[in-house]
Protein backbone atom coordinates (compact mmCIF):
# COMPACT_ATOMS: atom_id res chain seq x y z
CA UNK A 1 56.11 113.57 94.29
CA UNK A 2 58.92 112.86 96.73
CA UNK A 3 58.53 113.91 100.33
CA UNK A 4 62.19 114.66 101.12
CA UNK A 5 65.16 116.08 99.22
CA UNK A 6 68.30 114.32 100.49
CA UNK A 7 68.93 111.17 102.49
CA UNK A 8 71.91 109.00 103.41
CA UNK A 9 71.60 105.24 103.02
CA UNK A 10 73.02 103.51 106.10
CA UNK A 11 73.67 99.76 105.98
CA UNK A 12 76.46 99.36 108.53
CA UNK A 13 77.84 101.27 111.51
CA UNK A 14 76.31 104.47 110.12
CA UNK A 15 72.88 103.30 111.35
CA UNK A 16 73.81 103.59 115.03
CA UNK A 17 76.70 106.06 114.75
CA UNK A 18 76.03 108.69 112.07
CA UNK A 19 78.76 110.97 113.40
CA UNK A 20 78.84 114.51 114.72
CA UNK A 21 78.20 116.23 111.40
CA UNK A 22 75.33 114.03 110.19
CA UNK A 23 73.46 113.45 113.46
CA UNK A 24 72.15 117.02 113.97
CA UNK A 25 70.74 117.13 110.42
CA UNK A 26 68.61 113.96 110.64
CA UNK A 27 64.86 114.67 110.59
CA UNK A 28 63.56 111.18 109.81
CA UNK A 29 64.62 107.56 109.43
CA UNK A 30 63.12 105.30 106.77
CA UNK A 31 63.57 101.52 106.97
CA UNK A 32 64.27 99.95 103.58
CA UNK A 33 66.36 97.41 101.67
CA UNK A 34 69.57 98.34 99.90
CA UNK A 35 69.05 98.68 96.12
CA UNK A 36 72.33 96.79 95.67
CA UNK A 37 74.01 93.73 97.19
CA UNK A 38 76.16 94.02 100.31
CA UNK A 39 78.73 91.73 101.93
CA UNK A 40 81.51 91.71 104.54
CA UNK A 41 84.16 92.12 101.85
CA UNK A 42 86.55 94.77 103.18
CA UNK A 43 88.87 94.96 106.16
CA UNK A 44 89.06 98.19 108.10
CA UNK A 45 92.37 99.50 109.45
CA UNK A 46 90.50 101.55 112.05
CA UNK A 47 88.91 98.32 113.33
CA UNK A 48 92.04 96.19 113.64
CA UNK A 49 91.56 94.59 110.22
CA UNK A 50 87.95 93.58 110.95
CA UNK A 51 85.61 92.72 108.06
CA UNK A 52 83.14 95.50 107.23
CA UNK A 53 80.15 95.82 104.93
CA UNK A 54 80.48 97.24 101.42
CA UNK A 55 78.47 97.01 98.20
CA UNK A 56 79.55 93.70 96.68
CA UNK A 57 78.35 91.76 93.66
CA UNK A 58 77.78 88.39 95.38
CA UNK A 59 76.20 89.62 98.60
CA UNK A 60 72.57 90.14 99.56
CA UNK A 61 70.25 93.11 99.43
CA UNK A 62 70.08 93.86 103.15
CA UNK A 63 68.01 95.84 105.63
CA UNK A 64 69.06 99.46 105.75
CA UNK A 65 67.95 102.86 107.03
CA UNK A 66 67.71 106.10 105.09
CA UNK A 67 68.86 108.95 107.32
CA UNK A 68 66.73 111.80 105.97
CA UNK A 69 68.44 115.17 106.25
CA UNK A 70 66.92 118.61 106.74
CA UNK A 71 65.52 119.94 103.46
CA UNK A 72 67.90 122.91 103.71
CA UNK A 73 70.84 120.49 103.26
CA UNK A 74 72.15 120.68 99.71
CA UNK A 75 73.47 117.62 97.91
CA UNK A 76 77.11 118.77 97.81
CA UNK A 77 77.07 119.38 101.58
CA UNK A 78 75.50 115.96 102.21
CA UNK A 79 78.13 114.22 100.07
CA UNK A 80 80.95 116.01 101.90
CA UNK A 81 79.75 115.23 105.43
CA UNK A 82 79.18 111.58 104.51
CA UNK A 83 82.61 111.35 102.86
CA UNK A 84 84.30 112.90 105.90
CA UNK A 85 82.50 110.54 108.26
CA UNK A 86 83.52 107.46 106.25
CA UNK A 87 87.15 108.64 106.24
CA UNK A 88 87.01 109.41 110.00
CA UNK A 89 88.48 112.81 109.14
CA UNK A 90 86.40 115.82 110.13
CA UNK A 91 88.82 118.17 108.41
CA UNK A 92 86.36 120.38 106.54
CA UNK A 93 87.51 119.11 103.14
CA UNK A 94 84.87 118.96 100.41
CA UNK A 95 84.03 115.84 98.44
CA UNK A 96 84.90 115.90 94.74
CA UNK A 97 83.35 113.31 92.41
CA UNK A 98 85.84 110.57 91.50
CA UNK A 99 85.72 109.10 87.99
CA UNK A 100 88.24 106.26 88.34
CA UNK A 101 88.62 105.47 92.05
CA UNK A 102 91.51 103.48 93.45
CA UNK A 103 90.91 100.49 95.74
CA UNK A 104 91.00 102.58 98.90
CA UNK A 105 89.15 105.71 97.79
CA UNK A 106 85.74 106.34 99.31
CA UNK A 107 83.24 107.15 96.56
CA UNK A 108 79.85 108.72 97.16
CA UNK A 109 77.15 107.39 94.82
CA UNK A 110 73.43 108.11 94.61
CA UNK A 111 70.02 106.74 93.65
CA UNK A 112 67.14 108.95 92.55
CA UNK A 113 63.55 108.92 93.81
CA UNK A 114 64.08 106.14 96.33
CA UNK A 115 61.63 105.53 99.20
CA UNK A 116 60.09 109.04 99.17
CA UNK A 117 63.49 110.75 98.92
CA UNK A 118 64.58 112.71 95.85
CA UNK A 119 68.26 111.76 96.14
CA UNK A 120 69.69 109.07 98.42
CA UNK A 121 73.47 108.93 98.69
CA UNK A 122 75.72 106.14 99.95
CA UNK A 123 79.39 105.27 100.07
CA UNK A 124 81.21 102.61 98.12
CA UNK A 125 84.79 101.40 98.52
CA UNK A 126 86.65 98.48 97.01
CA UNK A 127 87.08 94.92 98.27
CA UNK A 128 90.52 94.52 99.85
CA UNK A 129 90.27 90.97 101.19
CA UNK A 130 92.59 88.90 99.04
CA UNK A 131 91.12 86.05 97.05
CA UNK A 132 87.72 84.59 97.69
CA UNK A 133 85.65 86.14 100.46
CA UNK A 134 84.41 83.28 102.65
CA UNK A 135 83.06 82.82 106.16
CA UNK A 136 86.20 81.12 107.48
CA UNK A 137 88.38 84.04 106.42
CA UNK A 138 85.93 86.53 107.92
CA UNK A 139 85.81 84.73 111.28
CA UNK A 140 89.62 84.63 111.48
CA UNK A 141 89.86 88.36 110.74
CA UNK A 142 87.17 89.21 113.29
CA UNK A 143 88.79 87.18 116.06
CA UNK A 144 92.20 88.69 115.31
CA UNK A 145 90.69 92.17 115.48
CA UNK A 146 89.12 91.72 118.93
CA UNK A 147 92.45 90.45 120.27
CA UNK A 148 94.11 93.66 119.03
CA UNK A 149 93.81 97.23 120.33
CA UNK A 150 90.51 97.49 118.41
CA UNK A 151 89.02 95.17 121.03
CA UNK A 152 90.02 97.58 123.81
CA UNK A 153 88.32 100.37 121.86
CA UNK A 154 85.22 98.19 121.24
CA UNK A 155 85.69 98.70 117.50
CA UNK A 156 86.46 95.07 116.59
CA UNK A 157 84.86 92.82 114.01
CA UNK A 158 82.74 90.73 116.35
CA UNK A 159 81.06 93.79 117.83
CA UNK A 160 80.58 95.10 114.28
CA UNK A 161 78.94 91.80 113.29
CA UNK A 162 76.75 91.88 116.41
CA UNK A 163 75.62 95.43 115.61
CA UNK A 164 74.74 94.34 112.06
CA UNK A 165 72.78 91.38 113.42
CA UNK A 166 70.93 93.63 115.88
CA UNK A 167 69.92 95.79 112.91
CA UNK A 168 68.60 92.67 111.12
CA UNK A 169 71.31 92.84 108.46
CA UNK A 170 71.86 89.39 106.99
CA UNK A 171 74.31 88.82 104.15
CA UNK A 172 75.04 85.65 102.21
CA UNK A 173 77.96 84.86 104.52
CA UNK A 174 76.90 86.30 107.88
CA UNK A 175 75.08 83.23 109.33
CA UNK A 176 78.05 80.93 108.68
CA UNK A 177 80.49 83.70 109.66
CA UNK A 178 78.74 84.01 113.03
CA UNK A 179 78.63 80.25 113.56
CA UNK A 180 82.36 79.85 112.91
CA UNK A 181 83.10 82.50 115.54
CA UNK A 182 80.90 80.62 118.02
CA UNK A 183 82.60 77.33 117.15
CA UNK A 184 86.08 78.83 117.57
CA UNK A 185 85.28 80.36 120.94
CA UNK A 186 83.01 77.54 122.19
CA UNK A 187 80.35 80.18 122.82
CA UNK A 188 76.57 80.09 122.51
CA UNK A 189 76.16 83.73 121.48
CA UNK A 190 78.26 86.54 120.01
CA UNK A 191 77.98 88.36 123.34
CA UNK A 192 79.57 85.36 125.07
CA UNK A 193 82.28 85.18 122.39
CA UNK A 194 83.07 88.86 122.97
CA UNK A 195 83.28 88.31 126.73
CA UNK A 196 85.64 85.35 126.33
CA UNK A 197 87.91 87.07 123.80
CA UNK A 198 88.01 90.32 125.78
CA UNK A 199 89.21 88.28 128.76
CA UNK A 200 91.80 86.50 126.60
CA UNK A 201 93.10 89.82 125.28
CA UNK A 202 93.40 91.21 128.80
CA UNK A 203 95.39 88.15 129.91
CA UNK A 204 97.70 88.51 126.92
CA UNK A 205 98.66 92.11 127.78
């Protein structure tokens, strides 16, 4: 018998920043592994083109957190608040199941009876990095993002990677991805790389 009714599977920025609609409904957090593979395989326009984590066939099953919602939360409501958070649009619109999503449509999927939760939902969106996804490409995208306005807003790819690392999320590419950033910036840590690139961005403006 499952203990909880509805949970949201967080494996990226959702762990630390659930958003204003989800946060008040969280009654528990369950550490787990994703039941699917994840990789930095999509760039985000809201993060200056930074690589972000999505379900991806050649990634790794990674550490994640189930954000357990109040038992009074129905599944349709949970899908809608998650969908709105992932779109960064708190416009009150309701999520409608999508049969044949386009590359840029956020889809809400679910797994049943997972880690003491009756239904666990998560978002999926398509890969939009052209060609092969590799560490060199990811490092270039992340560095470009921190030198853009996203760096000013602290929403760049290197901070996103650091947050993932701090949550013990390790993908197939993330160790090499991190090392290439350190090599490019002649830094010992991601924190040092951020400091150096923030300074470079400030000088460039």
